[in-house]
């Protein structure tokens, strides 16, 4: 038996990619359509915890913030996504929502959920995380989408995914982080986020 050859066959690599689409489902207007940064250390831990049934590690929440950009004289400066360090967070988180439809913390599982998508014969699987901010949420938002203060808590310019932690909601590791130009959530419009995570094998196994 050729041990080196066997080892070669059993060794593979995986890539993880993320993409977000933020849009108004009532009008079809697209606000953001871009890739995101993966926190590879936290994601590797979450994958190991979830597939070994440790009671943690699964994607649990989508978190929103308003600290990802700086605006000076009308010029937007985009900060670097936080994807290093176990304790990484958004720059300034202002809201979060459960996206695990099987969780007891889920308040709207029909419109905030995850699903997997796979095409037979391919070496990748997509996780679609869908989150809807309805007209009335978050509480305290402005009536119309004409906010001039970009530091308002619900003028979002960053978001990410958190893993489940049995210590309670909004305590899990940050798995992803994406920064984008400010988008206001206001009473006069809904915002839906379709967040796709693709896990792909870089080896065919042959």
N, C-alpha and C. Protein backbone atom coordinates (compact mmCIF):
# COMPACT_ATOMS: atom_id res chain seq x y z
N UNK A 1 0.86 -1.19 0.00
CA UNK A 1 0.00 0.00 0.00
C UNK A 1 0.89 1.24 0.00
N UNK A 2 0.56 2.20 -0.83
CA UNK A 2 1.33 3.43 -0.91
C UNK A 2 0.73 4.45 0.04
N UNK A 3 1.34 4.60 1.23
CA UNK A 3 0.78 5.48 2.24
C UNK A 3 0.75 6.93 1.80
N UNK A 4 1.80 7.37 1.08
CA UNK A 4 1.83 8.75 0.62
C UNK A 4 0.70 9.01 -0.35
N UNK A 5 0.45 8.05 -1.24
CA UNK A 5 -0.63 8.22 -2.19
C UNK A 5 -1.99 8.25 -1.48
N UNK A 6 -2.15 7.37 -0.48
CA UNK A 6 -3.40 7.35 0.27
C UNK A 6 -3.62 8.67 0.99
N UNK A 7 -2.54 9.22 1.59
CA UNK A 7 -2.66 10.49 2.30
C UNK A 7 -3.06 11.61 1.35
N UNK A 8 -2.49 11.58 0.16
CA UNK A 8 -2.83 12.59 -0.83
C UNK A 8 -4.32 12.55 -1.15
N UNK A 9 -4.86 11.34 -1.26
CA UNK A 9 -6.27 11.21 -1.59
C UNK A 9 -7.17 11.67 -0.45
N UNK A 10 -6.71 11.58 0.78
CA UNK A 10 -7.55 11.90 1.93
C UNK A 10 -7.39 13.33 2.40
N UNK A 11 -6.50 14.07 1.77
CA UNK A 11 -6.26 15.45 2.15
C UNK A 11 -6.92 16.38 1.15
N UNK A 12 -7.75 17.26 1.65
CA UNK A 12 -8.42 18.21 0.78
C UNK A 12 -8.42 19.60 1.39
N UNK A 13 -9.00 20.53 0.69
CA UNK A 13 -9.10 21.90 1.18
C UNK A 13 -10.48 22.43 0.84
N UNK A 14 -10.93 23.38 1.62
CA UNK A 14 -12.24 23.98 1.42
C UNK A 14 -12.10 25.49 1.35
N UNK A 15 -12.92 26.10 0.55
CA UNK A 15 -13.01 27.56 0.55
C UNK A 15 -14.40 27.95 1.03
N UNK A 16 -14.47 29.10 1.68
CA UNK A 16 -15.75 29.64 2.15
C UNK A 16 -15.88 31.04 1.58
N UNK A 17 -16.96 31.28 0.89
CA UNK A 17 -17.20 32.58 0.29
C UNK A 17 -18.56 33.08 0.72
N UNK A 18 -18.68 34.39 0.83
CA UNK A 18 -19.96 34.98 1.22
C UNK A 18 -20.38 36.08 0.27
N UNK A 19 -21.68 36.24 0.12
CA UNK A 19 -22.23 37.28 -0.75
C UNK A 19 -23.55 37.76 -0.16
N UNK A 20 -23.76 39.07 -0.19
CA UNK A 20 -25.02 39.61 0.33
C UNK A 20 -25.75 40.41 -0.74
N UNK A 21 -27.06 40.33 -0.66
CA UNK A 21 -27.93 41.16 -1.48
C UNK A 21 -28.94 41.80 -0.54
N UNK A 22 -28.96 43.13 -0.50
CA UNK A 22 -29.89 43.87 0.34
C UNK A 22 -30.85 44.60 -0.59
N UNK A 23 -32.15 44.38 -0.39
CA UNK A 23 -33.13 44.96 -1.32
C UNK A 23 -34.46 45.18 -0.62
N UNK A 24 -35.32 45.94 -1.28
CA UNK A 24 -36.68 46.16 -0.81
C UNK A 24 -37.57 45.16 -1.54
N UNK A 25 -38.12 44.16 -0.83
CA UNK A 25 -38.91 43.12 -1.51
C UNK A 25 -40.22 43.64 -2.08
N UNK A 26 -40.68 44.81 -1.62
CA UNK A 26 -41.95 45.34 -2.13
C UNK A 26 -41.77 46.08 -3.45
N UNK A 27 -40.57 46.64 -3.69
CA UNK A 27 -40.33 47.40 -4.92
C UNK A 27 -39.30 46.73 -5.83
N UNK A 28 -38.49 45.83 -5.26
CA UNK A 28 -37.42 45.21 -6.03
C UNK A 28 -36.15 46.03 -6.08
N UNK A 29 -36.15 47.22 -5.48
CA UNK A 29 -34.95 48.06 -5.50
C UNK A 29 -33.80 47.38 -4.75
N UNK A 30 -32.65 47.30 -5.39
CA UNK A 30 -31.47 46.67 -4.79
C UNK A 30 -30.56 47.77 -4.23
N UNK A 31 -30.23 47.66 -2.95
CA UNK A 31 -29.36 48.63 -2.30
C UNK A 31 -27.90 48.20 -2.31
N UNK A 32 -27.66 46.92 -2.02
CA UNK A 32 -26.30 46.39 -1.92
C UNK A 32 -26.25 45.03 -2.59
N UNK A 33 -25.16 44.76 -3.32
CA UNK A 33 -24.97 43.46 -3.95
C UNK A 33 -23.46 43.24 -4.02
N UNK A 34 -22.89 42.56 -3.03
CA UNK A 34 -21.43 42.45 -2.96
C UNK A 34 -21.00 41.25 -2.12
N UNK A 35 -19.70 40.96 -2.19
CA UNK A 35 -19.12 39.89 -1.38
C UNK A 35 -18.80 40.40 0.02
N UNK A 36 -18.55 39.45 0.94
CA UNK A 36 -18.24 39.83 2.31
C UNK A 36 -16.93 39.18 2.75
N UNK A 37 -16.46 39.58 3.93
CA UNK A 37 -15.25 38.99 4.52
C UNK A 37 -15.65 37.86 5.46
N UNK A 38 -14.89 36.77 5.42
CA UNK A 38 -15.09 35.63 6.30
C UNK A 38 -14.10 35.70 7.45
N UNK A 39 -14.57 35.45 8.66
CA UNK A 39 -13.68 35.32 9.81
C UNK A 39 -13.30 33.84 9.88
N UNK A 40 -12.15 33.51 9.28
CA UNK A 40 -11.82 32.09 9.08
C UNK A 40 -11.57 31.35 10.39
N UNK A 41 -10.97 31.99 11.36
CA UNK A 41 -10.74 31.30 12.64
C UNK A 41 -12.06 30.94 13.30
N UNK A 42 -12.95 31.92 13.45
CA UNK A 42 -14.23 31.66 14.10
C UNK A 42 -15.09 30.70 13.29
N UNK A 43 -15.01 30.81 11.95
CA UNK A 43 -15.81 29.93 11.12
C UNK A 43 -15.33 28.49 11.24
N UNK A 44 -14.01 28.29 11.31
CA UNK A 44 -13.50 26.92 11.44
C UNK A 44 -13.94 26.30 12.76
N UNK A 45 -13.95 27.10 13.83
CA UNK A 45 -14.41 26.61 15.12
C UNK A 45 -15.90 26.28 15.07
N UNK A 46 -16.67 27.17 14.44
CA UNK A 46 -18.12 26.96 14.35
C UNK A 46 -18.45 25.70 13.56
N UNK A 47 -17.73 25.47 12.46
CA UNK A 47 -17.96 24.26 11.67
C UNK A 47 -17.68 23.00 12.49
N UNK A 48 -16.55 23.01 13.19
CA UNK A 48 -16.19 21.84 14.00
C UNK A 48 -17.21 21.62 15.12
N UNK A 49 -17.64 22.70 15.78
CA UNK A 49 -18.61 22.58 16.87
C UNK A 49 -19.96 22.07 16.37
N UNK A 50 -20.39 22.56 15.21
CA UNK A 50 -21.72 22.19 14.72
C UNK A 50 -21.76 20.76 14.21
N UNK A 51 -20.72 20.32 13.46
CA UNK A 51 -20.79 18.96 12.92
C UNK A 51 -20.42 17.90 13.95
N UNK A 52 -19.86 18.34 15.09
CA UNK A 52 -19.59 17.38 16.17
C UNK A 52 -20.67 17.46 17.25
N UNK A 53 -21.76 18.18 16.96
CA UNK A 53 -22.94 18.23 17.83
C UNK A 53 -22.60 18.71 19.23
N UNK A 54 -21.88 19.84 19.27
CA UNK A 54 -21.48 20.41 20.56
C UNK A 54 -22.51 21.39 21.14
N UNK A 55 -23.63 21.54 20.47
CA UNK A 55 -24.67 22.43 20.99
C UNK A 55 -24.38 23.90 20.76
N UNK A 56 -23.48 24.19 19.86
CA UNK A 56 -23.15 25.58 19.53
C UNK A 56 -22.50 25.60 18.16
N UNK A 57 -22.28 26.80 17.63
CA UNK A 57 -21.56 26.93 16.37
C UNK A 57 -22.42 27.16 15.15
N UNK A 58 -23.71 26.78 15.22
CA UNK A 58 -24.56 26.99 14.04
C UNK A 58 -24.81 28.48 13.85
N UNK A 59 -25.05 28.89 12.61
CA UNK A 59 -25.40 30.28 12.34
C UNK A 59 -26.71 30.58 13.05
N UNK A 60 -26.74 31.69 13.78
CA UNK A 60 -27.89 31.98 14.61
C UNK A 60 -28.51 33.34 14.34
N UNK A 61 -27.68 34.37 14.20
CA UNK A 61 -28.20 35.74 14.10
C UNK A 61 -27.53 36.52 12.99
N UNK A 62 -28.28 37.47 12.46
CA UNK A 62 -27.72 38.49 11.59
C UNK A 62 -27.63 39.76 12.42
N UNK A 63 -26.46 40.38 12.40
CA UNK A 63 -26.23 41.57 13.23
C UNK A 63 -25.98 42.77 12.32
N UNK A 64 -26.48 43.93 12.75
CA UNK A 64 -26.44 45.14 11.95
C UNK A 64 -25.75 46.25 12.74
N UNK A 65 -25.04 47.13 12.04
CA UNK A 65 -24.38 48.23 12.72
C UNK A 65 -24.24 49.45 11.83
N UNK A 66 -23.75 50.54 12.43
CA UNK A 66 -23.61 51.80 11.69
C UNK A 66 -22.21 52.39 11.83
N UNK A 67 -21.21 51.54 12.13
CA UNK A 67 -19.87 52.07 12.35
C UNK A 67 -18.86 51.70 11.28
N UNK A 68 -19.33 51.21 10.13
CA UNK A 68 -18.41 50.70 9.13
C UNK A 68 -17.83 51.73 8.17
N UNK A 69 -18.38 52.94 8.19
CA UNK A 69 -17.89 53.97 7.28
C UNK A 69 -17.68 55.28 8.02
N UNK A 70 -16.89 56.14 7.41
CA UNK A 70 -16.71 57.52 7.88
C UNK A 70 -17.02 58.43 6.70
N UNK A 71 -17.81 59.46 6.94
CA UNK A 71 -18.18 60.39 5.87
C UNK A 71 -17.62 61.76 6.20
N UNK A 72 -16.76 62.28 5.33
CA UNK A 72 -16.15 63.59 5.51
C UNK A 72 -16.34 64.41 4.25
N UNK A 73 -17.06 65.52 4.38
CA UNK A 73 -17.33 66.39 3.24
C UNK A 73 -17.93 65.62 2.06
N UNK A 74 -18.82 64.69 2.39
CA UNK A 74 -19.51 63.93 1.37
C UNK A 74 -18.74 62.75 0.81
N UNK A 75 -17.50 62.54 1.28
CA UNK A 75 -16.67 61.43 0.81
C UNK A 75 -16.76 60.29 1.81
N UNK A 76 -17.12 59.09 1.33
CA UNK A 76 -17.27 57.93 2.20
C UNK A 76 -15.96 57.15 2.26
N UNK A 77 -15.47 56.91 3.47
CA UNK A 77 -14.31 56.05 3.70
C UNK A 77 -14.79 54.75 4.32
N UNK A 78 -14.44 53.63 3.70
CA UNK A 78 -14.89 52.32 4.17
C UNK A 78 -13.81 51.71 5.07
N UNK A 79 -14.18 51.32 6.28
CA UNK A 79 -13.24 50.70 7.19
C UNK A 79 -13.00 49.24 6.79
N UNK A 80 -11.95 48.66 7.35
CA UNK A 80 -11.60 47.27 7.06
C UNK A 80 -12.49 46.33 7.86
N UNK A 81 -13.08 45.32 7.23
CA UNK A 81 -13.91 44.37 7.98
C UNK A 81 -13.11 43.70 9.11
N UNK A 82 -13.78 43.46 10.23
CA UNK A 82 -13.15 42.81 11.38
C UNK A 82 -13.23 41.29 11.20
N UNK A 83 -12.14 40.70 10.77
CA UNK A 83 -12.13 39.26 10.50
C UNK A 83 -10.95 38.55 11.16
N UNK A 84 -10.35 39.18 12.16
CA UNK A 84 -9.23 38.60 12.88
C UNK A 84 -9.47 38.76 14.38
N UNK A 85 -9.18 37.70 15.16
CA UNK A 85 -9.35 37.75 16.61
C UNK A 85 -10.64 37.12 17.05
N UNK A 86 -10.57 36.24 18.06
CA UNK A 86 -11.76 35.52 18.52
C UNK A 86 -12.87 36.46 18.95
N UNK A 87 -12.51 37.60 19.52
CA UNK A 87 -13.53 38.51 20.03
C UNK A 87 -13.97 39.58 19.05
N UNK A 88 -13.74 39.36 17.76
CA UNK A 88 -14.11 40.36 16.76
C UNK A 88 -15.61 40.66 16.81
N UNK A 89 -15.95 41.92 16.56
CA UNK A 89 -17.34 42.36 16.53
C UNK A 89 -17.52 43.36 15.39
N UNK A 90 -18.76 43.77 15.17
CA UNK A 90 -18.98 44.91 14.29
C UNK A 90 -18.37 46.15 14.94
N UNK A 91 -18.14 47.18 14.16
CA UNK A 91 -17.60 48.41 14.73
C UNK A 91 -18.58 49.04 15.71
N UNK A 92 -19.86 49.02 15.35
CA UNK A 92 -20.86 49.57 16.26
C UNK A 92 -22.20 48.89 15.98
N UNK A 93 -22.42 47.76 16.64
CA UNK A 93 -23.66 47.01 16.43
C UNK A 93 -24.83 47.75 17.06
N UNK A 94 -25.92 47.88 16.28
CA UNK A 94 -27.10 48.58 16.78
C UNK A 94 -28.36 47.72 16.76
N UNK A 95 -28.29 46.55 16.12
CA UNK A 95 -29.48 45.72 16.01
C UNK A 95 -29.07 44.30 15.67
N UNK A 96 -29.89 43.33 16.03
CA UNK A 96 -29.66 41.96 15.59
C UNK A 96 -31.00 41.24 15.46
N UNK A 97 -30.99 40.16 14.69
CA UNK A 97 -32.22 39.41 14.49
C UNK A 97 -31.90 37.93 14.31
N UNK A 98 -32.68 37.09 14.94
CA UNK A 98 -32.49 35.64 14.83
C UNK A 98 -32.91 35.17 13.44
N UNK A 99 -32.07 34.33 12.82
CA UNK A 99 -32.37 33.82 11.48
C UNK A 99 -32.44 32.29 11.46
N UNK A 100 -32.47 31.69 12.63
CA UNK A 100 -32.59 30.23 12.74
C UNK A 100 -34.05 29.89 13.00
N UNK A 101 -34.74 29.41 11.98
CA UNK A 101 -36.18 29.16 12.11
C UNK A 101 -36.50 28.06 13.10
N UNK A 102 -35.51 27.25 13.48
CA UNK A 102 -35.74 26.17 14.45
C UNK A 102 -35.46 26.61 15.88
N UNK A 103 -35.02 27.84 16.06
CA UNK A 103 -34.66 28.33 17.38
C UNK A 103 -35.89 28.81 18.15
N UNK A 104 -35.86 28.64 19.45
CA UNK A 104 -36.94 29.15 20.29
C UNK A 104 -36.92 30.68 20.35
N UNK A 105 -35.81 31.28 19.93
CA UNK A 105 -35.71 32.74 19.91
C UNK A 105 -36.27 33.34 18.62
N UNK A 106 -36.62 32.50 17.66
CA UNK A 106 -37.11 32.99 16.38
C UNK A 106 -38.53 33.52 16.52
N UNK A 107 -38.77 34.76 16.10
CA UNK A 107 -40.09 35.38 16.20
C UNK A 107 -40.86 35.34 14.88
N UNK A 108 -40.17 35.08 13.79
CA UNK A 108 -40.81 35.08 12.48
C UNK A 108 -40.10 34.07 11.57
N UNK A 109 -40.24 32.77 11.89
CA UNK A 109 -39.47 31.75 11.16
C UNK A 109 -39.81 31.63 9.69
N UNK A 110 -40.98 32.07 9.27
CA UNK A 110 -41.36 31.96 7.86
C UNK A 110 -40.58 32.94 6.99
N UNK A 111 -40.14 34.04 7.58
CA UNK A 111 -39.46 35.07 6.77
C UNK A 111 -38.02 35.31 7.22
N UNK A 112 -37.59 34.61 8.25
CA UNK A 112 -36.21 34.70 8.71
C UNK A 112 -35.73 33.27 8.92
N UNK A 113 -34.93 32.79 7.98
CA UNK A 113 -34.65 31.35 7.96
C UNK A 113 -33.35 31.07 7.22
N UNK A 114 -32.92 29.80 7.28
CA UNK A 114 -31.77 29.32 6.53
C UNK A 114 -32.18 28.08 5.76
N UNK A 115 -31.54 27.88 4.61
CA UNK A 115 -31.73 26.66 3.85
C UNK A 115 -30.45 26.34 3.09
N UNK A 116 -30.25 25.06 2.80
CA UNK A 116 -29.07 24.66 2.04
C UNK A 116 -29.49 24.35 0.61
N UNK A 117 -28.57 24.63 -0.32
CA UNK A 117 -28.82 24.39 -1.73
C UNK A 117 -27.61 23.67 -2.33
N UNK A 118 -27.87 22.55 -2.97
CA UNK A 118 -26.79 21.76 -3.54
C UNK A 118 -27.22 21.18 -4.88
N UNK A 119 -26.33 21.22 -5.85
CA UNK A 119 -26.56 20.61 -7.16
C UNK A 119 -25.77 19.31 -7.20
N UNK A 120 -26.48 18.21 -7.42
CA UNK A 120 -25.82 16.90 -7.41
C UNK A 120 -24.67 16.85 -8.41
N UNK A 121 -23.55 16.31 -7.95
CA UNK A 121 -22.38 16.19 -8.80
C UNK A 121 -21.39 17.33 -8.66
N UNK A 122 -21.78 18.42 -7.98
CA UNK A 122 -20.86 19.54 -7.75
C UNK A 122 -20.18 19.37 -6.39
N UNK A 123 -19.13 20.15 -6.16
CA UNK A 123 -18.36 20.02 -4.91
C UNK A 123 -18.56 21.25 -4.03
N UNK A 124 -19.70 21.88 -4.13
CA UNK A 124 -20.01 23.02 -3.26
C UNK A 124 -21.48 22.95 -2.82
N UNK A 125 -21.72 23.56 -1.68
CA UNK A 125 -23.08 23.68 -1.15
C UNK A 125 -23.27 25.10 -0.65
N UNK A 126 -24.41 25.70 -0.97
CA UNK A 126 -24.72 27.06 -0.53
C UNK A 126 -25.64 27.02 0.68
N UNK A 127 -25.39 27.94 1.61
CA UNK A 127 -26.31 28.20 2.70
C UNK A 127 -26.94 29.56 2.43
N UNK A 128 -28.24 29.60 2.26
CA UNK A 128 -28.95 30.87 2.09
C UNK A 128 -29.53 31.29 3.44
N UNK A 129 -29.13 32.46 3.89
CA UNK A 129 -29.68 33.03 5.12
C UNK A 129 -30.52 34.23 4.72
N UNK A 130 -31.81 34.15 4.96
CA UNK A 130 -32.72 35.22 4.56
C UNK A 130 -33.28 35.91 5.79
N UNK A 131 -33.19 37.24 5.79
CA UNK A 131 -33.63 38.04 6.94
C UNK A 131 -34.47 39.21 6.43
N UNK A 132 -35.63 39.41 7.02
CA UNK A 132 -36.51 40.50 6.62
C UNK A 132 -36.70 41.48 7.77
N UNK A 133 -36.43 42.75 7.51
CA UNK A 133 -36.78 43.82 8.43
C UNK A 133 -38.07 44.43 7.92
N UNK A 134 -39.15 44.15 8.61
CA UNK A 134 -40.48 44.58 8.17
C UNK A 134 -40.66 46.07 8.41
N UNK A 135 -41.81 46.60 7.97
CA UNK A 135 -42.05 48.03 8.08
C UNK A 135 -41.85 48.54 9.51
N UNK A 136 -42.34 47.80 10.49
CA UNK A 136 -42.35 48.28 11.87
C UNK A 136 -41.10 48.01 12.67
N UNK A 137 -40.07 47.46 12.08
CA UNK A 137 -38.86 47.16 12.83
C UNK A 137 -37.63 47.74 12.12
N UNK A 138 -36.65 48.12 12.92
CA UNK A 138 -36.54 48.10 14.38
C UNK A 138 -37.39 49.19 15.03
N UNK A 139 -37.68 49.01 16.29
CA UNK A 139 -38.42 50.01 17.05
C UNK A 139 -37.56 51.27 17.18
N UNK A 140 -38.18 52.42 16.95
CA UNK A 140 -37.46 53.69 17.09
C UNK A 140 -36.90 54.25 15.80
N UNK A 141 -37.18 53.58 14.67
CA UNK A 141 -36.66 54.07 13.40
C UNK A 141 -37.41 55.31 12.94
N UNK A 142 -36.81 56.03 11.99
CA UNK A 142 -37.44 57.22 11.43
C UNK A 142 -38.61 56.84 10.53
N UNK A 143 -39.49 57.81 10.29
CA UNK A 143 -40.68 57.54 9.49
C UNK A 143 -40.36 57.39 8.01
N UNK A 144 -39.39 58.16 7.51
CA UNK A 144 -39.09 58.15 6.08
C UNK A 144 -37.59 57.97 5.86
N UNK A 145 -37.25 57.51 4.66
CA UNK A 145 -35.86 57.23 4.33
C UNK A 145 -35.13 58.47 3.80
N UNK A 146 -35.18 59.54 4.60
CA UNK A 146 -34.54 60.80 4.22
C UNK A 146 -33.62 61.31 5.33
N UNK A 147 -33.09 60.38 6.12
CA UNK A 147 -32.22 60.73 7.23
C UNK A 147 -30.94 61.42 6.73
N UNK A 148 -30.62 62.56 7.32
CA UNK A 148 -29.38 63.27 6.97
C UNK A 148 -28.25 62.95 7.94
N UNK A 149 -28.59 62.42 9.10
CA UNK A 149 -27.58 62.04 10.08
C UNK A 149 -27.19 60.58 9.84
N UNK A 150 -26.03 60.38 9.23
CA UNK A 150 -25.60 59.02 8.90
C UNK A 150 -25.13 58.24 10.11
N UNK A 151 -25.07 58.90 11.29
CA UNK A 151 -24.74 58.20 12.53
C UNK A 151 -25.98 57.67 13.23
N UNK A 152 -27.14 57.87 12.62
CA UNK A 152 -28.38 57.34 13.18
C UNK A 152 -28.25 55.83 13.33
N UNK A 153 -28.78 55.25 14.41
CA UNK A 153 -28.54 53.81 14.68
C UNK A 153 -29.07 52.87 13.61
N UNK A 154 -30.05 53.32 12.82
CA UNK A 154 -30.62 52.41 11.83
C UNK A 154 -30.30 52.83 10.40
N UNK A 155 -29.23 53.62 10.26
CA UNK A 155 -28.63 53.83 8.94
C UNK A 155 -27.46 52.85 8.89
N UNK A 156 -27.74 51.67 8.37
CA UNK A 156 -26.78 50.57 8.46
C UNK A 156 -25.70 50.70 7.39
N UNK A 157 -24.45 50.40 7.79
CA UNK A 157 -23.35 50.33 6.82
C UNK A 157 -22.45 49.12 7.09
N UNK A 158 -22.91 48.23 7.93
CA UNK A 158 -22.16 46.99 8.22
C UNK A 158 -23.14 45.94 8.74
N UNK A 159 -22.84 44.70 8.43
CA UNK A 159 -23.60 43.60 9.02
C UNK A 159 -22.75 42.34 8.99
N UNK A 160 -23.22 41.34 9.72
CA UNK A 160 -22.48 40.09 9.81
C UNK A 160 -23.37 38.97 10.31
N UNK A 161 -22.78 37.81 10.46
CA UNK A 161 -23.48 36.64 11.00
C UNK A 161 -22.81 36.23 12.29
N UNK A 162 -23.62 35.85 13.27
CA UNK A 162 -23.10 35.33 14.54
C UNK A 162 -23.48 33.86 14.70
N UNK A 163 -22.61 33.11 15.37
CA UNK A 163 -22.90 31.72 15.69
C UNK A 163 -23.74 31.63 16.97
N UNK A 164 -24.43 30.52 17.11
CA UNK A 164 -25.21 30.29 18.32
C UNK A 164 -24.29 30.02 19.51
N UNK A 165 -24.66 30.60 20.64
CA UNK A 165 -23.96 30.37 21.90
C UNK A 165 -25.01 30.08 22.95
N UNK A 166 -24.90 28.97 23.69
CA UNK A 166 -25.92 28.64 24.70
C UNK A 166 -25.99 29.65 25.84
N UNK A 167 -25.03 30.57 25.94
CA UNK A 167 -25.09 31.60 26.97
C UNK A 167 -26.24 32.57 26.73
N UNK A 168 -26.76 32.61 25.50
CA UNK A 168 -27.90 33.48 25.22
C UNK A 168 -27.77 34.19 23.89
N UNK A 169 -28.84 34.90 23.49
CA UNK A 169 -28.82 35.60 22.20
C UNK A 169 -27.71 36.64 22.11
N UNK A 170 -27.20 36.83 20.90
CA UNK A 170 -26.25 37.89 20.61
C UNK A 170 -24.95 37.76 21.39
N UNK A 171 -24.53 36.53 21.68
CA UNK A 171 -23.28 36.31 22.42
C UNK A 171 -22.30 35.44 21.66
N UNK A 172 -22.70 34.92 20.49
CA UNK A 172 -21.85 34.00 19.75
C UNK A 172 -20.75 34.70 18.97
N UNK A 173 -19.82 33.90 18.45
CA UNK A 173 -18.70 34.44 17.68
C UNK A 173 -19.19 35.06 16.38
N UNK A 174 -18.49 36.13 15.98
CA UNK A 174 -18.75 36.75 14.68
C UNK A 174 -18.11 35.90 13.59
N UNK A 175 -18.92 35.49 12.61
CA UNK A 175 -18.45 34.60 11.55
C UNK A 175 -18.12 35.33 10.26
N UNK A 176 -18.82 36.41 9.99
CA UNK A 176 -18.61 37.18 8.77
C UNK A 176 -18.78 38.66 9.06
N UNK A 177 -18.27 39.49 8.17
CA UNK A 177 -18.42 40.94 8.34
C UNK A 177 -18.36 41.57 6.95
N UNK A 178 -19.32 42.41 6.65
CA UNK A 178 -19.33 43.12 5.38
C UNK A 178 -19.66 44.59 5.65
N UNK A 179 -18.97 45.46 4.92
CA UNK A 179 -19.14 46.91 5.05
C UNK A 179 -19.59 47.46 3.70
N UNK A 180 -20.54 48.40 3.73
CA UNK A 180 -21.12 48.91 2.50
C UNK A 180 -21.57 50.35 2.70
N UNK A 181 -21.98 50.99 1.61
CA UNK A 181 -22.43 52.38 1.76
C UNK A 181 -23.72 52.42 2.57
N UNK A 182 -23.95 53.48 3.34
CA UNK A 182 -25.07 53.52 4.28
C UNK A 182 -26.43 53.29 3.61
N UNK A 183 -27.24 52.46 4.28
CA UNK A 183 -28.61 52.17 3.85
C UNK A 183 -29.53 52.38 5.04
N UNK A 184 -30.53 53.25 4.88
CA UNK A 184 -31.41 53.55 6.00
C UNK A 184 -32.60 52.60 6.05
N UNK A 185 -32.87 52.08 7.24
CA UNK A 185 -34.12 51.35 7.48
C UNK A 185 -35.09 52.31 8.12
N UNK A 186 -36.24 52.49 7.49
CA UNK A 186 -37.26 53.42 7.97
C UNK A 186 -38.63 52.78 7.87
N UNK A 187 -39.61 53.45 8.49
CA UNK A 187 -40.95 52.88 8.56
C UNK A 187 -41.62 52.70 7.21
N UNK A 188 -41.18 53.46 6.21
CA UNK A 188 -41.87 53.44 4.92
C UNK A 188 -41.35 52.37 3.97
N UNK A 189 -40.42 51.51 4.41
CA UNK A 189 -39.97 50.47 3.52
C UNK A 189 -39.46 49.25 4.28
N UNK A 190 -39.61 48.11 3.63
CA UNK A 190 -39.03 46.88 4.14
C UNK A 190 -37.63 46.72 3.55
N UNK A 191 -36.79 45.99 4.27
CA UNK A 191 -35.47 45.64 3.76
C UNK A 191 -35.27 44.14 3.97
N UNK A 192 -34.92 43.46 2.90
CA UNK A 192 -34.61 42.04 2.99
C UNK A 192 -33.14 41.83 2.67
N UNK A 193 -32.52 40.93 3.43
CA UNK A 193 -31.13 40.57 3.20
C UNK A 193 -31.08 39.09 2.85
N UNK A 194 -30.56 38.78 1.67
CA UNK A 194 -30.28 37.40 1.29
C UNK A 194 -28.77 37.23 1.35
N UNK A 195 -28.34 36.43 2.29
CA UNK A 195 -26.91 36.26 2.58
C UNK A 195 -26.54 34.83 2.20
N UNK A 196 -25.66 34.67 1.23
CA UNK A 196 -25.28 33.35 0.76
C UNK A 196 -23.86 33.02 1.18
N UNK A 197 -23.70 31.89 1.85
CA UNK A 197 -22.38 31.36 2.20
C UNK A 197 -22.17 30.10 1.38
N UNK A 198 -21.10 30.10 0.58
CA UNK A 198 -20.77 28.93 -0.23
C UNK A 198 -19.57 28.20 0.37
N UNK A 199 -19.76 26.92 0.66
CA UNK A 199 -18.68 26.06 1.16
C UNK A 199 -18.32 25.10 0.03
N UNK A 200 -17.08 25.22 -0.43
CA UNK A 200 -16.66 24.49 -1.63
C UNK A 200 -15.40 23.71 -1.37
N UNK A 201 -15.41 22.46 -1.79
CA UNK A 201 -14.22 21.64 -1.73
C UNK A 201 -13.30 22.02 -2.89
N UNK A 202 -12.01 22.18 -2.59
CA UNK A 202 -11.04 22.47 -3.64
C UNK A 202 -10.40 21.21 -4.17
N UNK A 203 -10.90 20.05 -3.71
CA UNK A 203 -10.41 18.76 -4.18
C UNK A 203 -11.57 17.94 -4.67
N UNK A 204 -11.36 17.20 -5.75
CA UNK A 204 -12.44 16.34 -6.28
C UNK A 204 -12.51 15.01 -5.56
N UNK A 205 -11.48 14.72 -4.71
CA UNK A 205 -11.47 13.46 -3.98
C UNK A 205 -10.97 12.28 -4.79
N UNK A 206 -10.43 12.56 -5.98
CA UNK A 206 -9.94 11.46 -6.81
C UNK A 206 -8.42 11.50 -6.88
